[in-house]
Amino acid sequence: MMEAIALLLDRGGPAIWAIAALSVATLALILWKLWRLALLGAFAGQRAERAVMLWQQGARDEAAAAVAGRVGLRARLVRAAIGALGAGLPEAKAREETTRIARRLLAEARAGIRALELISVIAPLLGLLGTVMGMIEAFQVLESSGAAADPSDLAGGIWAALLTTAAGMAVAIPAAMAVTWFEAIADSARADMEDLATRLFLAGGAH
């Protein structure tokens, strides 16, 4: 298996090495992003929902306690909104502060996505570049050999050239899928935070 990989890397030239490096970076970014989302509590929101329900029922202290010390995105947003409302700020200022916190939290949720987007664009372009360069080399060999050109040598050169395009696509596809999934998680968190904040403000400030 390792010998086959080494052969592919050798036949693919510089482009395949660059794509291999991108594949490692893609895997590392996806694993890091999953770890970050887990730390940010992007997949949980029960505490935030409970806090909002308590706030709507008038149990303001219990609502604040429900999200105290929680690290989830939704819980942190609710805690910020409750803090702004409980401080007796004018509604406009409380909304502005809550919006500021929401933007910061969403920026944390989207961290790393741009890098994956870049990889999904660059990888197939590198593959195409490698293919074009390989085809140029193959036809240079054909031109210099003239009638004595060996079709098997030409086919081998073309095969090696097309390898980079396949490798680029193999990296770009999972990167693009990861981008779509992570964007969906961030969008879901944004929609939930908007809903939670709206319900808190509709319930009003501290009594």
N, C-alpha and C. Protein backbone atom coordinates (compact mmCIF):
# COMPACT_ATOMS: atom_id res chain seq x y z
N MET A 1 0.82 -1.21 0.00
CA MET A 1 0.00 0.00 0.00
C MET A 1 0.86 1.27 0.00
N MET A 2 1.87 1.29 0.89
CA MET A 2 2.75 2.44 0.98
C MET A 2 3.56 2.60 -0.30
N GLU A 3 3.95 1.47 -0.90
CA GLU A 3 4.70 1.53 -2.15
C GLU A 3 3.84 2.13 -3.26
N ALA A 4 2.57 1.75 -3.29
CA ALA A 4 1.66 2.28 -4.31
C ALA A 4 1.49 3.79 -4.14
N ILE A 5 1.35 4.23 -2.88
CA ILE A 5 1.21 5.66 -2.62
C ILE A 5 2.47 6.41 -3.04
N ALA A 6 3.63 5.83 -2.70
CA ALA A 6 4.91 6.45 -3.07
C ALA A 6 5.04 6.56 -4.59
N LEU A 7 4.56 5.51 -5.31
CA LEU A 7 4.62 5.53 -6.77
C LEU A 7 3.73 6.64 -7.34
N LEU A 8 2.53 6.76 -6.77
CA LEU A 8 1.61 7.80 -7.23
C LEU A 8 2.19 9.19 -7.00
N LEU A 9 2.81 9.38 -5.82
CA LEU A 9 3.41 10.68 -5.51
C LEU A 9 4.56 10.98 -6.46
N ASP A 10 5.31 9.95 -6.79
CA ASP A 10 6.46 10.13 -7.69
C ASP A 10 6.00 10.44 -9.11
N ARG A 11 4.98 9.73 -9.57
CA ARG A 11 4.50 9.93 -10.95
C ARG A 11 3.73 11.24 -11.09
N GLY A 12 3.10 11.69 -10.02
CA GLY A 12 2.26 12.89 -10.11
C GLY A 12 3.01 14.19 -10.16
N GLY A 13 4.26 14.19 -9.72
CA GLY A 13 5.05 15.41 -9.76
C GLY A 13 4.72 16.37 -8.63
N PRO A 14 5.18 17.62 -8.74
CA PRO A 14 4.97 18.61 -7.66
C PRO A 14 3.50 18.85 -7.32
N ALA A 15 2.63 18.81 -8.33
CA ALA A 15 1.22 19.08 -8.08
C ALA A 15 0.62 18.05 -7.13
N ILE A 16 0.97 16.79 -7.31
CA ILE A 16 0.40 15.76 -6.45
C ILE A 16 0.91 15.89 -5.03
N TRP A 17 2.14 16.37 -4.86
CA TRP A 17 2.67 16.61 -3.52
C TRP A 17 1.90 17.75 -2.84
N ALA A 18 1.61 18.79 -3.61
CA ALA A 18 0.84 19.91 -3.05
C ALA A 18 -0.57 19.46 -2.67
N ILE A 19 -1.17 18.62 -3.51
CA ILE A 19 -2.51 18.11 -3.22
C ILE A 19 -2.48 17.20 -1.99
N ALA A 20 -1.42 16.40 -1.86
CA ALA A 20 -1.29 15.54 -0.68
C ALA A 20 -1.20 16.38 0.59
N ALA A 21 -0.46 17.49 0.52
CA ALA A 21 -0.37 18.39 1.67
C ALA A 21 -1.74 18.98 1.99
N LEU A 22 -2.50 19.34 0.96
CA LEU A 22 -3.85 19.88 1.17
C LEU A 22 -4.77 18.83 1.79
N SER A 23 -4.57 17.57 1.42
CA SER A 23 -5.42 16.52 2.00
C SER A 23 -5.18 16.38 3.49
N VAL A 24 -3.92 16.48 3.89
CA VAL A 24 -3.59 16.43 5.32
C VAL A 24 -4.18 17.64 6.03
N ALA A 25 -4.06 18.82 5.41
CA ALA A 25 -4.61 20.04 6.01
C ALA A 25 -6.13 19.95 6.13
N THR A 26 -6.77 19.36 5.11
CA THR A 26 -8.23 19.21 5.13
C THR A 26 -8.68 18.33 6.28
N LEU A 27 -8.03 17.19 6.44
CA LEU A 27 -8.38 16.28 7.54
C LEU A 27 -8.16 16.96 8.89
N ALA A 28 -7.02 17.65 9.02
CA ALA A 28 -6.73 18.33 10.28
C ALA A 28 -7.77 19.41 10.58
N LEU A 29 -8.16 20.18 9.57
CA LEU A 29 -9.15 21.23 9.77
C LEU A 29 -10.51 20.67 10.16
N ILE A 30 -10.91 19.58 9.51
CA ILE A 30 -12.21 18.99 9.83
C ILE A 30 -12.24 18.47 11.26
N LEU A 31 -11.17 17.78 11.65
CA LEU A 31 -11.11 17.26 13.03
C LEU A 31 -11.06 18.40 14.04
N TRP A 32 -10.27 19.44 13.73
CA TRP A 32 -10.19 20.60 14.63
C TRP A 32 -11.54 21.28 14.73
N LYS A 33 -12.24 21.40 13.61
CA LYS A 33 -13.53 22.09 13.61
C LYS A 33 -14.56 21.31 14.42
N LEU A 34 -14.57 20.01 14.28
CA LEU A 34 -15.48 19.18 15.08
C LEU A 34 -15.20 19.35 16.58
N TRP A 35 -13.91 19.36 16.92
CA TRP A 35 -13.51 19.55 18.32
C TRP A 35 -13.95 20.91 18.83
N ARG A 36 -13.75 21.95 18.01
CA ARG A 36 -14.14 23.30 18.41
C ARG A 36 -15.66 23.42 18.58
N LEU A 37 -16.40 22.85 17.66
CA LEU A 37 -17.86 22.92 17.76
C LEU A 37 -18.36 22.20 19.00
N ALA A 38 -17.71 21.08 19.33
CA ALA A 38 -18.08 20.36 20.55
C ALA A 38 -17.78 21.21 21.78
N LEU A 39 -16.63 21.88 21.80
CA LEU A 39 -16.28 22.74 22.93
C LEU A 39 -17.24 23.92 23.03
N LEU A 40 -17.69 24.42 21.87
CA LEU A 40 -18.60 25.57 21.86
C LEU A 40 -20.04 25.17 22.16
N GLY A 41 -20.29 23.88 22.31
CA GLY A 41 -21.65 23.43 22.59
C GLY A 41 -22.60 23.73 21.44
N ALA A 42 -22.10 23.62 20.20
CA ALA A 42 -22.92 23.96 19.04
C ALA A 42 -24.04 22.96 18.81
N PHE A 43 -23.95 21.79 19.44
CA PHE A 43 -24.96 20.76 19.22
C PHE A 43 -25.95 20.66 20.38
N ALA A 44 -25.85 21.58 21.36
CA ALA A 44 -26.72 21.52 22.53
C ALA A 44 -27.41 22.86 22.74
N GLY A 45 -28.63 22.82 23.27
CA GLY A 45 -29.34 24.07 23.52
C GLY A 45 -30.44 23.93 24.55
N GLN A 46 -30.45 22.79 25.26
CA GLN A 46 -31.54 22.56 26.22
C GLN A 46 -31.52 23.56 27.37
N ARG A 47 -30.33 23.89 27.86
CA ARG A 47 -30.22 24.83 28.97
C ARG A 47 -30.72 26.21 28.57
N ALA A 48 -30.36 26.64 27.38
CA ALA A 48 -30.79 27.95 26.90
C ALA A 48 -32.30 27.99 26.75
N GLU A 49 -32.87 26.92 26.21
CA GLU A 49 -34.32 26.86 26.04
C GLU A 49 -35.02 26.91 27.40
N ARG A 50 -34.49 26.18 28.37
CA ARG A 50 -35.09 26.18 29.71
C ARG A 50 -35.00 27.56 30.35
N ALA A 51 -33.86 28.23 30.16
CA ALA A 51 -33.69 29.56 30.73
C ALA A 51 -34.71 30.55 30.15
N VAL A 52 -34.94 30.47 28.86
CA VAL A 52 -35.90 31.37 28.23
C VAL A 52 -37.31 31.09 28.74
N MET A 53 -37.66 29.82 28.88
CA MET A 53 -38.98 29.48 29.40
C MET A 53 -39.16 30.01 30.82
N LEU A 54 -38.13 29.87 31.65
CA LEU A 54 -38.20 30.40 33.01
C LEU A 54 -38.34 31.91 33.01
N TRP A 55 -37.62 32.57 32.12
CA TRP A 55 -37.71 34.04 32.03
C TRP A 55 -39.11 34.47 31.62
N GLN A 56 -39.68 33.75 30.68
CA GLN A 56 -41.05 34.08 30.23
C GLN A 56 -42.08 33.88 31.34
N GLN A 57 -41.79 32.93 32.23
CA GLN A 57 -42.69 32.66 33.34
C GLN A 57 -42.48 33.60 34.52
N GLY A 58 -41.49 34.48 34.42
CA GLY A 58 -41.22 35.43 35.48
C GLY A 58 -40.20 34.97 36.49
N ALA A 59 -39.67 33.75 36.31
CA ALA A 59 -38.66 33.24 37.24
C ALA A 59 -37.29 33.72 36.76
N ARG A 60 -37.01 34.99 36.96
CA ARG A 60 -35.83 35.61 36.39
C ARG A 60 -34.53 35.09 37.02
N ASP A 61 -34.50 34.92 38.32
CA ASP A 61 -33.28 34.41 38.98
C ASP A 61 -32.99 32.98 38.55
N GLU A 62 -34.02 32.17 38.46
CA GLU A 62 -33.84 30.79 38.03
C GLU A 62 -33.36 30.72 36.58
N ALA A 63 -33.86 31.65 35.75
CA ALA A 63 -33.45 31.69 34.36
C ALA A 63 -31.96 32.00 34.25
N ALA A 64 -31.51 32.98 35.03
CA ALA A 64 -30.09 33.33 35.01
C ALA A 64 -29.23 32.19 35.53
N ALA A 65 -29.72 31.49 36.55
CA ALA A 65 -28.97 30.37 37.12
C ALA A 65 -28.86 29.22 36.13
N ALA A 66 -29.88 29.05 35.29
CA ALA A 66 -29.91 27.92 34.35
C ALA A 66 -28.77 27.99 33.33
N VAL A 67 -28.32 29.21 33.00
CA VAL A 67 -27.25 29.34 32.00
C VAL A 67 -25.94 29.85 32.62
N ALA A 68 -25.91 29.96 33.93
CA ALA A 68 -24.69 30.45 34.59
C ALA A 68 -23.55 29.46 34.38
N GLY A 69 -22.44 29.94 33.89
CA GLY A 69 -21.27 29.10 33.69
C GLY A 69 -21.33 28.17 32.50
N ARG A 70 -22.39 28.20 31.72
CA ARG A 70 -22.51 27.33 30.56
C ARG A 70 -21.67 27.88 29.40
N VAL A 71 -21.09 26.98 28.61
CA VAL A 71 -20.19 27.40 27.53
C VAL A 71 -20.82 27.26 26.15
N GLY A 72 -22.03 26.75 26.06
CA GLY A 72 -22.69 26.59 24.77
C GLY A 72 -22.99 27.93 24.12
N LEU A 73 -23.01 27.95 22.80
CA LEU A 73 -23.28 29.18 22.06
C LEU A 73 -24.62 29.79 22.46
N ARG A 74 -25.65 28.97 22.49
CA ARG A 74 -26.98 29.46 22.78
C ARG A 74 -27.09 29.93 24.24
N ALA A 75 -26.47 29.16 25.14
CA ALA A 75 -26.51 29.53 26.56
C ALA A 75 -25.77 30.84 26.80
N ARG A 76 -24.65 31.05 26.14
CA ARG A 76 -23.90 32.29 26.30
C ARG A 76 -24.68 33.48 25.76
N LEU A 77 -25.38 33.27 24.65
CA LEU A 77 -26.20 34.35 24.10
C LEU A 77 -27.34 34.70 25.06
N VAL A 78 -28.00 33.66 25.58
CA VAL A 78 -29.10 33.90 26.52
C VAL A 78 -28.59 34.58 27.78
N ARG A 79 -27.44 34.15 28.26
CA ARG A 79 -26.87 34.77 29.46
C ARG A 79 -26.57 36.26 29.22
N ALA A 80 -26.05 36.57 28.03
CA ALA A 80 -25.77 37.97 27.70
C ALA A 80 -27.05 38.79 27.62
N ALA A 81 -28.08 38.22 27.01
CA ALA A 81 -29.36 38.93 26.88
C ALA A 81 -30.00 39.15 28.24
N ILE A 82 -29.97 38.12 29.07
CA ILE A 82 -30.54 38.24 30.43
C ILE A 82 -29.77 39.29 31.23
N GLY A 83 -28.44 39.29 31.06
CA GLY A 83 -27.64 40.28 31.77
C GLY A 83 -27.98 41.69 31.33
N ALA A 84 -28.16 41.89 30.02
CA ALA A 84 -28.51 43.21 29.51
C ALA A 84 -29.90 43.64 29.96
N LEU A 85 -30.84 42.71 29.93
CA LEU A 85 -32.20 43.03 30.37
C LEU A 85 -32.26 43.26 31.87
N GLY A 86 -31.55 42.42 32.60
CA GLY A 86 -31.57 42.53 34.05
C GLY A 86 -30.87 43.76 34.57
N ALA A 87 -29.97 44.34 33.76
CA ALA A 87 -29.24 45.54 34.19
C ALA A 87 -30.08 46.79 34.06
N GLY A 88 -31.27 46.65 33.52
CA GLY A 88 -32.16 47.80 33.38
C GLY A 88 -31.77 48.74 32.26
N LEU A 89 -31.00 48.26 31.27
CA LEU A 89 -30.63 49.09 30.14
C LEU A 89 -31.85 49.39 29.28
N PRO A 90 -31.85 50.51 28.58
CA PRO A 90 -32.92 50.74 27.59
C PRO A 90 -32.95 49.60 26.59
N GLU A 91 -34.13 49.29 26.10
CA GLU A 91 -34.26 48.12 25.23
C GLU A 91 -33.34 48.20 24.02
N ALA A 92 -33.20 49.40 23.45
CA ALA A 92 -32.35 49.54 22.27
C ALA A 92 -30.91 49.18 22.59
N LYS A 93 -30.41 49.64 23.72
CA LYS A 93 -29.04 49.34 24.11
C LYS A 93 -28.87 47.87 24.47
N ALA A 94 -29.89 47.31 25.12
CA ALA A 94 -29.83 45.88 25.47
C ALA A 94 -29.80 45.03 24.21
N ARG A 95 -30.60 45.40 23.22
CA ARG A 95 -30.59 44.67 21.95
C ARG A 95 -29.24 44.81 21.25
N GLU A 96 -28.68 46.01 21.28
CA GLU A 96 -27.39 46.24 20.63
C GLU A 96 -26.30 45.39 21.27
N GLU A 97 -26.29 45.32 22.60
CA GLU A 97 -25.30 44.52 23.29
C GLU A 97 -25.49 43.03 22.98
N THR A 98 -26.73 42.59 22.96
CA THR A 98 -27.00 41.19 22.64
C THR A 98 -26.59 40.85 21.22
N THR A 99 -26.84 41.77 20.29
CA THR A 99 -26.43 41.57 18.90
C THR A 99 -24.92 41.49 18.79
N ARG A 100 -24.21 42.33 19.54
CA ARG A 100 -22.75 42.30 19.51
C ARG A 100 -22.22 40.94 19.97
N ILE A 101 -22.78 40.43 21.04
CA ILE A 101 -22.36 39.12 21.54
C ILE A 101 -22.70 38.02 20.53
N ALA A 102 -23.87 38.12 19.92
CA ALA A 102 -24.28 37.11 18.93
C ALA A 102 -23.31 37.08 17.76
N ARG A 103 -22.89 38.25 17.29
CA ARG A 103 -21.94 38.30 16.17
C ARG A 103 -20.63 37.63 16.54
N ARG A 104 -20.16 37.90 17.75
CA ARG A 104 -18.90 37.31 18.20
C ARG A 104 -19.01 35.79 18.31
N LEU A 105 -20.14 35.32 18.83
CA LEU A 105 -20.34 33.88 18.97
C LEU A 105 -20.42 33.19 17.61
N LEU A 106 -21.11 33.83 16.67
CA LEU A 106 -21.22 33.25 15.33
C LEU A 106 -19.87 33.24 14.62
N ALA A 107 -19.04 34.26 14.89
CA ALA A 107 -17.69 34.27 14.32
C ALA A 107 -16.88 33.08 14.84
N GLU A 108 -17.06 32.76 16.11
CA GLU A 108 -16.39 31.58 16.68
C GLU A 108 -16.89 30.31 16.02
N ALA A 109 -18.21 30.25 15.78
CA ALA A 109 -18.79 29.05 15.17
C ALA A 109 -18.32 28.86 13.73
N ARG A 110 -18.02 29.95 13.04
CA ARG A 110 -17.63 29.86 11.64
C ARG A 110 -16.12 29.82 11.43
N ALA A 111 -15.35 29.89 12.50
CA ALA A 111 -13.89 29.88 12.36
C ALA A 111 -13.42 28.61 11.65
N GLY A 112 -12.54 28.78 10.70
CA GLY A 112 -11.98 27.64 9.97
C GLY A 112 -12.73 27.28 8.71
N ILE A 113 -13.95 27.76 8.55
CA ILE A 113 -14.74 27.40 7.37
C ILE A 113 -14.13 28.00 6.11
N ARG A 114 -13.65 29.25 6.21
CA ARG A 114 -13.06 29.89 5.04
C ARG A 114 -11.86 29.10 4.51
N ALA A 115 -11.06 28.55 5.43
CA ALA A 115 -9.90 27.77 5.02
C ALA A 115 -10.33 26.53 4.24
N LEU A 116 -11.37 25.87 4.70
CA LEU A 116 -11.88 24.70 3.98
C LEU A 116 -12.45 25.09 2.61
N GLU A 117 -13.12 26.25 2.56
CA GLU A 117 -13.62 26.74 1.28
C GLU A 117 -12.47 26.97 0.30
N LEU A 118 -11.40 27.56 0.80
CA LEU A 118 -10.23 27.81 -0.05
C LEU A 118 -9.64 26.50 -0.58
N ILE A 119 -9.55 25.50 0.28
CA ILE A 119 -9.02 24.20 -0.14
C ILE A 119 -9.92 23.57 -1.20
N SER A 120 -11.23 23.68 -1.03
CA SER A 120 -12.16 23.09 -2.00
C SER A 120 -12.04 23.74 -3.37
N VAL A 121 -11.56 24.98 -3.40
CA VAL A 121 -11.36 25.68 -4.68
C VAL A 121 -9.98 25.39 -5.25
N ILE A 122 -8.96 25.42 -4.39
CA ILE A 122 -7.59 25.29 -4.85
C ILE A 122 -7.25 23.86 -5.29
N ALA A 123 -7.74 22.86 -4.56
CA ALA A 123 -7.36 21.47 -4.84
C ALA A 123 -7.65 21.05 -6.29
N PRO A 124 -8.87 21.26 -6.81
CA PRO A 124 -9.09 20.86 -8.21
C PRO A 124 -8.30 21.70 -9.21
N LEU A 125 -8.03 22.97 -8.86
CA LEU A 125 -7.22 23.80 -9.75
C LEU A 125 -5.78 23.29 -9.80
N LEU A 126 -5.26 22.88 -8.66
CA LEU A 126 -3.92 22.29 -8.65
C LEU A 126 -3.90 21.00 -9.46
N GLY A 127 -4.96 20.20 -9.31
CA GLY A 127 -5.06 18.97 -10.09
C GLY A 127 -5.07 19.24 -11.58
N LEU A 128 -5.85 20.27 -11.97
CA LEU A 128 -5.92 20.63 -13.39
C LEU A 128 -4.57 21.15 -13.89
N LEU A 129 -3.91 21.95 -13.05
CA LEU A 129 -2.58 22.44 -13.42
C LEU A 129 -1.60 21.29 -13.62
N GLY A 130 -1.63 20.33 -12.69
CA GLY A 130 -0.76 19.17 -12.82
C GLY A 130 -1.04 18.38 -14.09
N THR A 131 -2.33 18.25 -14.43
CA THR A 131 -2.70 17.53 -15.64
C THR A 131 -2.20 18.25 -16.88
N VAL A 132 -2.38 19.56 -16.92
CA VAL A 132 -1.93 20.34 -18.09
C VAL A 132 -0.42 20.23 -18.25
N MET A 133 0.31 20.39 -17.13
CA MET A 133 1.77 20.28 -17.21
C MET A 133 2.20 18.88 -17.65
N GLY A 134 1.51 17.86 -17.14
CA GLY A 134 1.84 16.49 -17.52
C GLY A 134 1.56 16.23 -18.99
N MET A 135 0.45 16.77 -19.49
CA MET A 135 0.13 16.59 -20.91
C MET A 135 1.15 17.30 -21.79
N ILE A 136 1.60 18.47 -21.34
CA ILE A 136 2.62 19.19 -22.11
C ILE A 136 3.89 18.35 -22.21
N GLU A 137 4.30 17.76 -21.08
CA GLU A 137 5.50 16.93 -21.07
C GLU A 137 5.32 15.71 -21.97
N ALA A 138 4.12 15.10 -21.91
CA ALA A 138 3.88 13.91 -22.72
C ALA A 138 3.97 14.22 -24.20
N PHE A 139 3.40 15.35 -24.61
CA PHE A 139 3.44 15.69 -26.03
C PHE A 139 4.80 16.20 -26.46
N GLN A 140 5.58 16.75 -25.52
CA GLN A 140 6.96 17.10 -25.84
C GLN A 140 7.77 15.84 -26.16
N VAL A 141 7.53 14.79 -25.35
CA VAL A 141 8.19 13.50 -25.60
C VAL A 141 7.77 12.95 -26.95
N LEU A 142 6.50 13.05 -27.28
CA LEU A 142 6.00 12.56 -28.57
C LEU A 142 6.64 13.32 -29.72
N GLU A 143 6.77 14.65 -29.55
CA GLU A 143 7.35 15.46 -30.62
C GLU A 143 8.82 15.12 -30.83
N SER A 144 9.56 14.95 -29.73
CA SER A 144 10.99 14.68 -29.86
C SER A 144 11.26 13.27 -30.39
N SER A 145 10.35 12.34 -30.13
CA SER A 145 10.54 10.95 -30.56
C SER A 145 10.12 10.73 -32.01
N GLY A 146 9.22 11.57 -32.48
CA GLY A 146 8.77 11.44 -33.86
C GLY A 146 8.05 10.12 -34.09
N ALA A 147 8.38 9.46 -35.21
CA ALA A 147 7.71 8.20 -35.56
C ALA A 147 8.11 7.06 -34.65
N ALA A 148 9.22 7.24 -33.91
CA ALA A 148 9.69 6.15 -33.05
C ALA A 148 9.05 6.18 -31.66
N ALA A 149 8.08 7.06 -31.45
CA ALA A 149 7.45 7.18 -30.13
C ALA A 149 6.76 5.90 -29.74
N ASP A 150 6.93 5.52 -28.48
CA ASP A 150 6.29 4.31 -27.95
C ASP A 150 4.92 4.70 -27.37
N PRO A 151 3.83 4.17 -27.93
CA PRO A 151 2.50 4.53 -27.43
C PRO A 151 2.33 4.24 -25.94
N SER A 152 3.00 3.20 -25.45
CA SER A 152 2.85 2.87 -24.03
C SER A 152 3.47 3.96 -23.14
N ASP A 153 4.59 4.56 -23.61
CA ASP A 153 5.19 5.65 -22.85
C ASP A 153 4.28 6.87 -22.84
N LEU A 154 3.67 7.15 -23.99
CA LEU A 154 2.74 8.29 -24.07
C LEU A 154 1.53 8.07 -23.18
N ALA A 155 1.00 6.85 -23.19
CA ALA A 155 -0.16 6.53 -22.36
C ALA A 155 0.18 6.66 -20.88
N GLY A 156 1.40 6.20 -20.53
CA GLY A 156 1.81 6.31 -19.14
C GLY A 156 1.92 7.75 -18.69
N GLY A 157 2.42 8.63 -19.58
CA GLY A 157 2.52 10.04 -19.24
C GLY A 157 1.16 10.68 -19.07
N ILE A 158 0.24 10.32 -19.95
CA ILE A 158 -1.12 10.87 -19.86
C ILE A 158 -1.81 10.37 -18.60
N TRP A 159 -1.61 9.10 -18.28
CA TRP A 159 -2.20 8.52 -17.06
C TRP A 159 -1.70 9.26 -15.82
N ALA A 160 -0.39 9.51 -15.77
CA ALA A 160 0.18 10.23 -14.63
C ALA A 160 -0.37 11.65 -14.56
N ALA A 161 -0.57 12.27 -15.73
CA ALA A 161 -1.09 13.63 -15.75
C ALA A 161 -2.53 13.69 -15.24
N LEU A 162 -3.36 12.75 -15.67
CA LEU A 162 -4.76 12.73 -15.25
C LEU A 162 -4.90 12.39 -13.76
N LEU A 163 -3.88 11.73 -13.22
CA LEU A 163 -3.91 11.37 -11.80
C LEU A 163 -4.07 12.59 -10.91
N THR A 164 -3.43 13.69 -11.27
CA THR A 164 -3.50 14.88 -10.42
C THR A 164 -4.91 15.47 -10.40
N THR A 165 -5.61 15.41 -11.52
CA THR A 165 -6.99 15.90 -11.54
C THR A 165 -7.88 15.07 -10.62
N ALA A 166 -7.72 13.76 -10.68
CA ALA A 166 -8.51 12.88 -9.81
C ALA A 166 -8.18 13.14 -8.34
N ALA A 167 -6.89 13.32 -8.04
CA ALA A 167 -6.49 13.57 -6.66
C ALA A 167 -7.04 14.90 -6.16
N GLY A 168 -7.01 15.92 -7.02
CA GLY A 168 -7.55 17.22 -6.63
C GLY A 168 -9.02 17.15 -6.31
N MET A 169 -9.76 16.42 -7.13
CA MET A 169 -11.20 16.26 -6.88
C MET A 169 -11.44 15.46 -5.61
N ALA A 170 -10.60 14.46 -5.36
CA ALA A 170 -10.77 13.62 -4.17
C ALA A 170 -10.58 14.43 -2.89
N VAL A 171 -9.78 15.48 -2.96
CA VAL A 171 -9.60 16.36 -1.79
C VAL A 171 -10.71 17.40 -1.73
N ALA A 172 -11.08 17.96 -2.88
CA ALA A 172 -12.05 19.04 -2.92
C ALA A 172 -13.45 18.59 -2.51
N ILE A 173 -13.84 17.39 -2.88
CA ILE A 173 -15.21 16.93 -2.59
C ILE A 173 -15.49 16.84 -1.09
N PRO A 174 -14.65 16.12 -0.29
CA PRO A 174 -14.93 16.10 1.14
C PRO A 174 -14.79 17.47 1.79
N ALA A 175 -13.88 18.32 1.28
CA ALA A 175 -13.73 19.67 1.83
C ALA A 175 -15.02 20.47 1.61
N ALA A 176 -15.58 20.37 0.40
CA ALA A 176 -16.82 21.09 0.11
C ALA A 176 -17.99 20.56 0.93
N MET A 177 -18.03 19.24 1.13
CA MET A 177 -19.09 18.65 1.95
C MET A 177 -18.98 19.12 3.40
N ALA A 178 -17.74 19.19 3.90
CA ALA A 178 -17.53 19.66 5.27
C ALA A 178 -17.95 21.12 5.42
N VAL A 179 -17.62 21.94 4.42
CA VAL A 179 -18.02 23.35 4.45
C VAL A 179 -19.54 23.48 4.55
N THR A 180 -20.24 22.72 3.72
CA THR A 180 -21.71 22.77 3.72
C THR A 180 -22.28 22.36 5.07
N TRP A 181 -21.73 21.30 5.64
CA TRP A 181 -22.21 20.82 6.94
C TRP A 181 -21.93 21.82 8.05
N PHE A 182 -20.72 22.34 8.09
CA PHE A 182 -20.37 23.31 9.14
C PHE A 182 -21.17 24.60 8.99
N GLU A 183 -21.42 25.01 7.76
CA GLU A 183 -22.26 26.20 7.53
C GLU A 183 -23.69 25.95 8.03
N ALA A 184 -24.19 24.73 7.81
CA ALA A 184 -25.54 24.40 8.27
C ALA A 184 -25.61 24.44 9.79
N ILE A 185 -24.55 23.96 10.47
CA ILE A 185 -24.52 24.01 11.94
C ILE A 185 -24.52 25.45 12.43
N ALA A 186 -23.70 26.30 11.79
CA ALA A 186 -23.64 27.71 12.18
C ALA A 186 -24.96 28.42 11.91
N ASP A 187 -25.59 28.11 10.78
CA ASP A 187 -26.87 28.73 10.46
C ASP A 187 -27.95 28.30 11.45
N SER A 188 -27.91 27.03 11.85
CA SER A 188 -28.88 26.54 12.84
C SER A 188 -28.69 27.25 14.18
N ALA A 189 -27.42 27.43 14.58
CA ALA A 189 -27.14 28.14 15.83
C ALA A 189 -27.61 29.58 15.74
N ARG A 190 -27.38 30.22 14.59
CA ARG A 190 -27.82 31.61 14.42
C ARG A 190 -29.33 31.73 14.52
N ALA A 191 -30.05 30.83 13.85
CA ALA A 191 -31.52 30.88 13.90
C ALA A 191 -32.02 30.65 15.33
N ASP A 192 -31.41 29.71 16.03
CA ASP A 192 -31.82 29.44 17.41
C ASP A 192 -31.56 30.64 18.31
N MET A 193 -30.39 31.27 18.14
CA MET A 193 -30.06 32.41 18.98
C MET A 193 -30.99 33.60 18.70
N GLU A 194 -31.33 33.80 17.44
CA GLU A 194 -32.28 34.86 17.11
C GLU A 194 -33.63 34.60 17.77
N ASP A 195 -34.08 33.36 17.71
CA ASP A 195 -35.37 33.01 18.31
C ASP A 195 -35.34 33.19 19.83
N LEU A 196 -34.28 32.71 20.47
CA LEU A 196 -34.18 32.81 21.93
C LEU A 196 -34.12 34.26 22.37
N ALA A 197 -33.31 35.07 21.69
CA ALA A 197 -33.19 36.48 22.06
C ALA A 197 -34.51 37.22 21.86
N THR A 198 -35.19 36.93 20.76
CA THR A 198 -36.47 37.59 20.50
C THR A 198 -37.48 37.27 21.59
N ARG A 199 -37.54 36.02 22.00
CA ARG A 199 -38.48 35.64 23.06
C ARG A 199 -38.15 36.30 24.38
N LEU A 200 -36.86 36.45 24.67
CA LEU A 200 -36.46 37.13 25.90
C LEU A 200 -36.89 38.60 25.87
N PHE A 201 -36.66 39.25 24.78
CA PHE A 201 -37.01 40.68 24.70
C PHE A 201 -38.51 40.89 24.69
N LEU A 202 -39.23 39.96 24.10
CA LEU A 202 -40.70 40.08 24.13
C LEU A 202 -41.24 39.92 25.53
N ALA A 203 -40.54 39.11 26.34
CA ALA A 203 -40.97 38.91 27.74
C ALA A 203 -40.64 40.12 28.60
N GLY A 204 -39.71 40.97 28.14
CA GLY A 204 -39.42 42.19 28.87
C GLY A 204 -38.27 42.04 29.83
N GLY A 205 -37.91 43.15 30.48
CA GLY A 205 -36.80 43.22 31.42
C GLY A 205 -37.17 42.70 32.78
N ALA A 206 -36.25 42.89 33.71
CA ALA A 206 -36.43 42.38 35.07
C ALA A 206 -37.61 43.05 35.74
N HIS A 207 -38.34 42.25 36.50
CA HIS A 207 -39.47 42.79 37.24
C HIS A 207 -39.05 43.33 38.58
